[in-house]
Amino acid sequence: MLLNGYIIISNNDMELKDFIKDNVVNFDHYQGGIFYYNVKVGDNLYQFPVPQKDIEATEFPTLLAQDKAIYFMRYIRKAISSNSLLVI
């Protein structure tokens, strides 16, 4: 599916382990209460949202510019299942 020039990946196209295993995420931008992170899988770069309200609800609300993808598994899984994972 195409949305505003981006391809949206359906949950049948990728498996979570492809994003998580031995991988990192990189902060891209912040807009409207959402942090957007990128993750590279193979030759493709994907983008997924991380809501600020989720981060504020944690004991130590910290986001790094680059971090292990495993720490973002919850958000990557949610993006895959809700079809909000973008190929950029």
Protein backbone atom coordinates (compact mmCIF):
# COMPACT_ATOMS: atom_id res chain seq x y z
CA MET A 1 0.00 0.00 0.00
CA LEU A 2 1.22 3.55 -0.78
CA LEU A 3 0.62 6.49 1.59
CA ASN A 4 2.02 9.98 0.94
CA GLY A 5 4.76 8.54 -1.24
CA TYR A 6 5.76 5.86 1.28
CA ILE A 7 5.18 2.15 0.97
CA ILE A 8 3.38 0.64 3.94
CA ILE A 9 4.41 -2.92 4.74
CA SER A 10 1.67 -5.39 5.59
CA ASN A 11 2.16 -7.77 8.48
CA ASN A 12 2.52 -10.70 6.06
CA ASP A 13 5.65 -9.28 4.41
CA MET A 14 8.17 -9.39 7.25
CA GLU A 15 8.91 -11.23 10.46
CA LEU A 16 9.83 -9.46 13.68
CA LYS A 17 13.10 -11.37 14.01
CA ASP A 18 14.30 -9.85 10.71
CA PHE A 19 14.19 -6.43 12.38
CA ILE A 20 15.50 -7.37 15.83
CA LYS A 21 18.36 -9.82 15.48
CA ASP A 22 21.78 -8.11 15.65
CA ASN A 23 20.33 -4.79 14.53
CA VAL A 24 20.13 -1.15 15.64
CA VAL A 25 17.55 1.62 15.30
CA ASN A 26 18.33 5.28 14.58
CA PHE A 27 16.29 8.32 15.57
CA ASP A 28 14.98 10.22 12.55
CA HIS A 29 12.61 12.96 13.72
CA TYR A 30 9.94 14.04 16.19
CA GLN A 31 6.51 15.31 15.20
CA GLY A 32 3.24 15.74 17.08
CA GLY A 33 4.13 13.66 20.13
CA ILE A 34 5.67 10.83 18.10
CA PHE A 35 9.36 9.91 17.82
CA TYR A 36 10.19 8.27 14.48
CA TYR A 37 12.96 5.69 14.29
CA ASN A 38 14.54 3.97 11.31
CA VAL A 39 15.78 0.40 11.09
CA LYS A 40 17.67 -1.17 8.18
CA VAL A 41 16.77 -4.69 7.12
CA GLY A 42 18.61 -6.03 4.08
CA ASP A 43 18.62 -3.31 1.43
CA ASN A 44 15.54 -1.55 2.83
CA LEU A 45 15.20 1.21 5.40
CA TYR A 46 12.01 1.11 7.47
CA GLN A 47 10.46 3.74 9.74
CA PHE A 48 8.25 3.14 12.76
CA PRO A 49 6.61 5.41 15.37
CA VAL A 50 7.33 5.56 19.11
CA PRO A 51 4.65 7.55 21.01
CA GLN A 52 6.03 10.04 23.53
CA LYS A 53 3.32 9.10 26.05
CA ASP A 54 4.67 5.52 26.13
CA ILE A 55 8.17 6.75 26.90
CA GLU A 56 6.99 9.15 29.60
CA ALA A 57 5.20 6.28 31.34
CA THR A 58 8.47 4.40 31.93
CA GLU A 59 10.59 4.69 35.08
CA PHE A 60 13.57 6.22 33.25
CA PRO A 61 12.25 7.96 30.12
CA THR A 62 15.31 7.99 27.86
CA LEU A 63 15.63 7.63 24.11
CA LEU A 64 19.02 7.46 22.43
CA ALA A 65 19.87 8.56 18.89
CA GLN A 66 21.01 4.99 18.19
CA ASP A 67 20.08 1.94 20.23
CA LYS A 68 19.66 -1.83 19.99
CA ALA A 69 16.61 -2.85 17.99
CA ILE A 70 15.63 -5.38 20.66
CA TYR A 71 14.77 -2.47 22.99
CA PHE A 72 12.24 -1.27 20.39
CA MET A 73 10.71 -4.67 19.69
CA ARG A 74 7.35 -3.58 21.13
CA TYR A 75 7.08 -0.63 18.74
CA ILE A 76 8.33 -2.54 15.69
CA ARG A 77 5.84 -5.34 16.40
CA LYS A 78 3.02 -2.81 16.78
CA ALA A 79 4.01 -1.08 13.51
CA ILE A 80 4.04 -4.39 11.62
CA SER A 81 0.68 -5.53 12.99
CA SER A 82 -1.02 -2.14 12.47
CA ASN A 83 0.43 -1.64 8.97
CA SER A 84 2.19 1.56 10.03
CA LEU A 85 5.70 0.38 9.15
CA LEU A 86 6.99 2.52 6.28
CA VAL A 87 9.66 1.78 3.69
CA ILE A 88 11.63 4.98 3.21
